């Protein structure tokens, strides 16, 4: 396990997915942002869900994803539906 798995919400699977898309440090994740990181993962793993997107945002903010504020959750949900074309 590397640096990213020390962040909230990042387990070994998500850390590997991030590494596979060129993100290996917390600084890189913050620079890229949760949305771009998720889009990169989505390209390689089409079933990537909104929970993964939320996990990435929580990791950047340093909190568990379920503690994200309401506005952030809504913004992520809109972004997710825009790119997935569904209402999961």
N, C-alpha and C. Protein backbone atom coordinates (compact mmCIF):
# COMPACT_ATOMS: atom_id res chain seq x y z
N UNK A 1 0.84 -1.19 0.00
CA UNK A 1 0.00 0.00 0.00
C UNK A 1 0.88 1.24 0.00
N UNK A 2 0.46 2.22 -0.76
CA UNK A 2 1.27 3.41 -0.91
C UNK A 2 0.69 4.62 -0.22
N UNK A 3 1.12 5.76 -0.67
CA UNK A 3 0.75 7.04 -0.08
C UNK A 3 -0.75 7.30 -0.16
N UNK A 4 -1.36 7.00 -1.29
CA UNK A 4 -2.77 7.32 -1.47
C UNK A 4 -3.68 6.56 -0.52
N UNK A 5 -3.32 5.34 -0.17
CA UNK A 5 -4.17 4.55 0.72
C UNK A 5 -4.19 5.10 2.15
N UNK A 6 -3.35 6.06 2.42
CA UNK A 6 -3.36 6.72 3.73
C UNK A 6 -4.46 7.78 3.80
N UNK A 7 -5.01 8.14 2.66
CA UNK A 7 -6.10 9.12 2.61
C UNK A 7 -7.42 8.44 2.94
N UNK A 8 -8.38 9.19 3.49
CA UNK A 8 -9.70 8.61 3.73
C UNK A 8 -10.30 8.11 2.41
N UNK A 9 -11.02 7.02 2.48
CA UNK A 9 -11.78 6.46 1.35
C UNK A 9 -10.96 5.73 0.31
N UNK A 10 -9.65 5.75 0.41
CA UNK A 10 -8.81 5.14 -0.62
C UNK A 10 -8.29 3.78 -0.12
N UNK A 11 -8.85 2.73 -0.68
CA UNK A 11 -8.37 1.38 -0.38
C UNK A 11 -7.39 0.94 -1.44
N UNK A 12 -6.98 -0.30 -1.35
CA UNK A 12 -5.97 -0.79 -2.29
C UNK A 12 -6.49 -0.82 -3.73
N UNK A 13 -7.75 -1.16 -3.93
CA UNK A 13 -8.29 -1.21 -5.30
C UNK A 13 -8.32 0.18 -5.93
N UNK A 14 -8.84 1.16 -5.20
CA UNK A 14 -8.91 2.52 -5.75
C UNK A 14 -7.51 3.10 -5.91
N UNK A 15 -6.62 2.79 -5.00
CA UNK A 15 -5.24 3.25 -5.14
C UNK A 15 -4.61 2.69 -6.43
N UNK A 16 -4.86 1.43 -6.72
CA UNK A 16 -4.34 0.83 -7.94
C UNK A 16 -4.96 1.48 -9.17
N UNK A 17 -6.27 1.72 -9.12
CA UNK A 17 -6.91 2.38 -10.26
C UNK A 17 -6.32 3.76 -10.49
N UNK A 18 -6.07 4.49 -9.43
CA UNK A 18 -5.46 5.81 -9.57
C UNK A 18 -4.07 5.70 -10.17
N UNK A 19 -3.29 4.75 -9.70
CA UNK A 19 -1.94 4.55 -10.25
C UNK A 19 -2.02 4.20 -11.73
N UNK A 20 -3.00 3.38 -12.09
CA UNK A 20 -3.16 2.98 -13.49
C UNK A 20 -3.48 4.16 -14.41
N UNK A 21 -4.03 5.24 -13.84
CA UNK A 21 -4.34 6.42 -14.65
C UNK A 21 -3.35 7.57 -14.39
N UNK A 22 -2.22 7.21 -13.77
CA UNK A 22 -1.14 8.18 -13.63
C UNK A 22 -1.17 9.05 -12.38
N UNK A 23 -1.96 8.68 -11.39
CA UNK A 23 -2.03 9.46 -10.15
C UNK A 23 -1.49 8.59 -9.02
N UNK A 24 -0.34 8.99 -8.49
CA UNK A 24 0.32 8.14 -7.48
C UNK A 24 0.55 8.83 -6.14
N UNK A 25 0.30 10.13 -6.07
CA UNK A 25 0.50 10.85 -4.82
C UNK A 25 -0.73 11.68 -4.48
N UNK A 26 -0.84 12.03 -3.20
CA UNK A 26 -1.94 12.87 -2.76
C UNK A 26 -1.90 14.23 -3.46
N UNK A 27 -0.71 14.74 -3.66
CA UNK A 27 -0.56 16.04 -4.34
C UNK A 27 -1.08 15.96 -5.78
N UNK A 28 -0.76 14.88 -6.47
CA UNK A 28 -1.26 14.71 -7.84
C UNK A 28 -2.78 14.61 -7.85
N UNK A 29 -3.35 13.89 -6.89
CA UNK A 29 -4.80 13.76 -6.82
C UNK A 29 -5.45 15.12 -6.58
N UNK A 30 -4.88 15.89 -5.69
CA UNK A 30 -5.42 17.23 -5.42
C UNK A 30 -5.32 18.12 -6.65
N UNK A 31 -4.20 18.04 -7.34
CA UNK A 31 -3.99 18.86 -8.53
C UNK A 31 -4.97 18.49 -9.64
N UNK A 32 -5.15 17.20 -9.86
CA UNK A 32 -6.06 16.72 -10.91
C UNK A 32 -7.51 16.96 -10.54
N UNK A 33 -7.84 16.75 -9.28
CA UNK A 33 -9.20 16.91 -8.80
C UNK A 33 -10.00 15.62 -8.92
N UNK A 34 -11.04 15.52 -8.12
CA UNK A 34 -11.83 14.30 -8.07
C UNK A 34 -12.54 14.00 -9.38
N UNK A 35 -13.04 15.02 -10.03
CA UNK A 35 -13.81 14.80 -11.27
C UNK A 35 -12.93 14.25 -12.39
N UNK A 36 -11.78 14.88 -12.60
CA UNK A 36 -10.87 14.40 -13.65
C UNK A 36 -10.33 13.02 -13.32
N UNK A 37 -9.98 12.80 -12.05
CA UNK A 37 -9.49 11.48 -11.66
C UNK A 37 -10.56 10.42 -11.93
N UNK A 38 -11.80 10.72 -11.59
CA UNK A 38 -12.90 9.78 -11.81
C UNK A 38 -13.12 9.54 -13.30
N UNK A 39 -13.05 10.58 -14.11
CA UNK A 39 -13.20 10.41 -15.56
C UNK A 39 -12.12 9.49 -16.12
N UNK A 40 -10.91 9.65 -15.63
CA UNK A 40 -9.83 8.77 -16.08
C UNK A 40 -10.11 7.32 -15.69
N UNK A 41 -10.58 7.12 -14.47
CA UNK A 41 -10.93 5.77 -14.01
C UNK A 41 -12.10 5.24 -14.82
N UNK A 42 -13.10 6.07 -15.05
CA UNK A 42 -14.28 5.66 -15.82
C UNK A 42 -13.90 5.15 -17.20
N UNK A 43 -12.91 5.77 -17.80
CA UNK A 43 -12.45 5.36 -19.13
C UNK A 43 -11.95 3.92 -19.10
N UNK A 44 -11.32 3.52 -18.01
CA UNK A 44 -10.78 2.16 -17.89
C UNK A 44 -11.76 1.20 -17.21
N UNK A 45 -12.69 1.75 -16.43
CA UNK A 45 -13.63 0.93 -15.66
C UNK A 45 -15.03 1.54 -15.78
N UNK A 46 -15.73 1.26 -16.89
CA UNK A 46 -17.03 1.88 -17.15
C UNK A 46 -18.07 1.76 -16.03
N UNK A 47 -18.06 0.73 -15.19
CA UNK A 47 -19.04 0.70 -14.10
C UNK A 47 -18.73 1.65 -12.92
N UNK A 48 -17.66 2.44 -13.02
CA UNK A 48 -17.30 3.34 -11.91
C UNK A 48 -18.54 4.13 -11.47
N UNK A 49 -18.81 4.07 -10.18
CA UNK A 49 -20.05 4.63 -9.65
C UNK A 49 -19.85 5.97 -8.96
N UNK A 50 -20.96 6.55 -8.55
CA UNK A 50 -20.91 7.85 -7.88
C UNK A 50 -20.21 7.74 -6.52
N UNK A 51 -20.27 6.58 -5.91
CA UNK A 51 -19.57 6.43 -4.62
C UNK A 51 -18.06 6.56 -4.81
N UNK A 52 -17.56 6.10 -5.93
CA UNK A 52 -16.12 6.23 -6.20
C UNK A 52 -15.77 7.69 -6.41
N UNK A 53 -16.61 8.41 -7.13
CA UNK A 53 -16.41 9.84 -7.33
C UNK A 53 -16.43 10.57 -5.98
N UNK A 54 -17.40 10.24 -5.15
CA UNK A 54 -17.51 10.85 -3.83
C UNK A 54 -16.31 10.49 -2.95
N UNK A 55 -15.85 9.26 -3.06
CA UNK A 55 -14.68 8.83 -2.29
C UNK A 55 -13.46 9.66 -2.66
N UNK A 56 -13.29 9.92 -3.94
CA UNK A 56 -12.16 10.72 -4.40
C UNK A 56 -12.24 12.15 -3.85
N UNK A 57 -13.43 12.74 -3.90
CA UNK A 57 -13.60 14.10 -3.38
C UNK A 57 -13.34 14.12 -1.87
N UNK A 58 -13.86 13.13 -1.16
CA UNK A 58 -13.62 13.06 0.28
C UNK A 58 -12.14 12.93 0.59
N UNK A 59 -11.44 12.12 -0.20
CA UNK A 59 -10.00 11.95 0.01
C UNK A 59 -9.27 13.27 -0.16
N UNK A 60 -9.65 14.02 -1.15
CA UNK A 60 -9.03 15.33 -1.39
C UNK A 60 -9.30 16.27 -0.22
N UNK A 61 -10.54 16.22 0.30
CA UNK A 61 -10.89 17.09 1.43
C UNK A 61 -10.41 16.55 2.77
N UNK A 62 -9.96 15.29 2.78
CA UNK A 62 -9.46 14.70 4.02
C UNK A 62 -10.55 14.19 4.95
N UNK A 63 -11.72 13.86 4.36
CA UNK A 63 -12.84 13.38 5.17
C UNK A 63 -13.47 12.15 4.53
N UNK A 64 -14.22 11.39 5.31
CA UNK A 64 -14.98 10.27 4.76
C UNK A 64 -16.01 10.84 3.79
N UNK A 65 -16.28 10.12 2.70
CA UNK A 65 -17.14 10.64 1.64
C UNK A 65 -18.54 10.97 2.13
N UNK A 66 -19.06 10.22 3.09
CA UNK A 66 -20.42 10.48 3.54
C UNK A 66 -20.54 11.75 4.38
N UNK A 67 -19.41 12.37 4.73
CA UNK A 67 -19.43 13.63 5.46
C UNK A 67 -19.31 14.85 4.55
N UNK A 68 -19.28 14.64 3.25
CA UNK A 68 -19.24 15.77 2.31
C UNK A 68 -20.48 16.63 2.52
N UNK A 69 -20.33 17.94 2.37
CA UNK A 69 -21.49 18.81 2.55
C UNK A 69 -22.50 18.61 1.43
N UNK A 70 -23.72 19.02 1.69
CA UNK A 70 -24.84 18.79 0.78
C UNK A 70 -24.58 19.38 -0.61
N UNK A 71 -24.02 20.59 -0.67
CA UNK A 71 -23.76 21.23 -1.95
C UNK A 71 -22.75 20.44 -2.78
N UNK A 72 -21.72 19.95 -2.13
CA UNK A 72 -20.72 19.15 -2.83
C UNK A 72 -21.34 17.86 -3.34
N UNK A 73 -22.13 17.21 -2.52
CA UNK A 73 -22.79 15.96 -2.94
C UNK A 73 -23.69 16.21 -4.15
N UNK A 74 -24.44 17.29 -4.14
CA UNK A 74 -25.32 17.61 -5.27
C UNK A 74 -24.51 17.91 -6.53
N UNK A 75 -23.43 18.66 -6.37
CA UNK A 75 -22.58 18.98 -7.51
C UNK A 75 -21.97 17.72 -8.11
N UNK A 76 -21.50 16.81 -7.26
CA UNK A 76 -20.94 15.56 -7.74
C UNK A 76 -22.01 14.71 -8.44
N UNK A 77 -23.21 14.72 -7.89
CA UNK A 77 -24.30 13.94 -8.48
C UNK A 77 -24.63 14.47 -9.88
N UNK A 78 -24.70 15.78 -10.03
CA UNK A 78 -24.96 16.37 -11.35
C UNK A 78 -23.86 16.00 -12.34
N UNK A 79 -22.62 16.10 -11.91
CA UNK A 79 -21.48 15.74 -12.75
C UNK A 79 -21.56 14.27 -13.16
N UNK A 80 -21.83 13.43 -12.20
CA UNK A 80 -21.94 11.99 -12.45
C UNK A 80 -23.02 11.70 -13.51
N UNK A 81 -24.21 12.26 -13.33
CA UNK A 81 -25.29 12.00 -14.27
C UNK A 81 -24.99 12.56 -15.66
N UNK A 82 -24.28 13.66 -15.71
CA UNK A 82 -23.89 14.24 -16.99
C UNK A 82 -22.99 13.27 -17.77
N UNK A 83 -22.11 12.59 -17.06
CA UNK A 83 -21.14 11.72 -17.72
C UNK A 83 -21.57 10.27 -17.82
N UNK A 84 -22.49 9.86 -16.99
CA UNK A 84 -22.98 8.48 -17.06
C UNK A 84 -24.30 8.39 -17.82
N UNK A 85 -25.01 9.51 -17.92
CA UNK A 85 -26.28 9.51 -18.67
C UNK A 85 -27.36 8.69 -18.02
N UNK A 86 -27.31 8.55 -16.70
CA UNK A 86 -28.32 7.77 -16.00
C UNK A 86 -28.73 8.47 -14.73
N UNK A 87 -29.74 7.91 -14.08
CA UNK A 87 -30.22 8.47 -12.82
C UNK A 87 -30.15 7.43 -11.71
N UNK A 88 -28.98 6.79 -11.58
CA UNK A 88 -28.80 5.76 -10.55
C UNK A 88 -29.04 6.32 -9.18
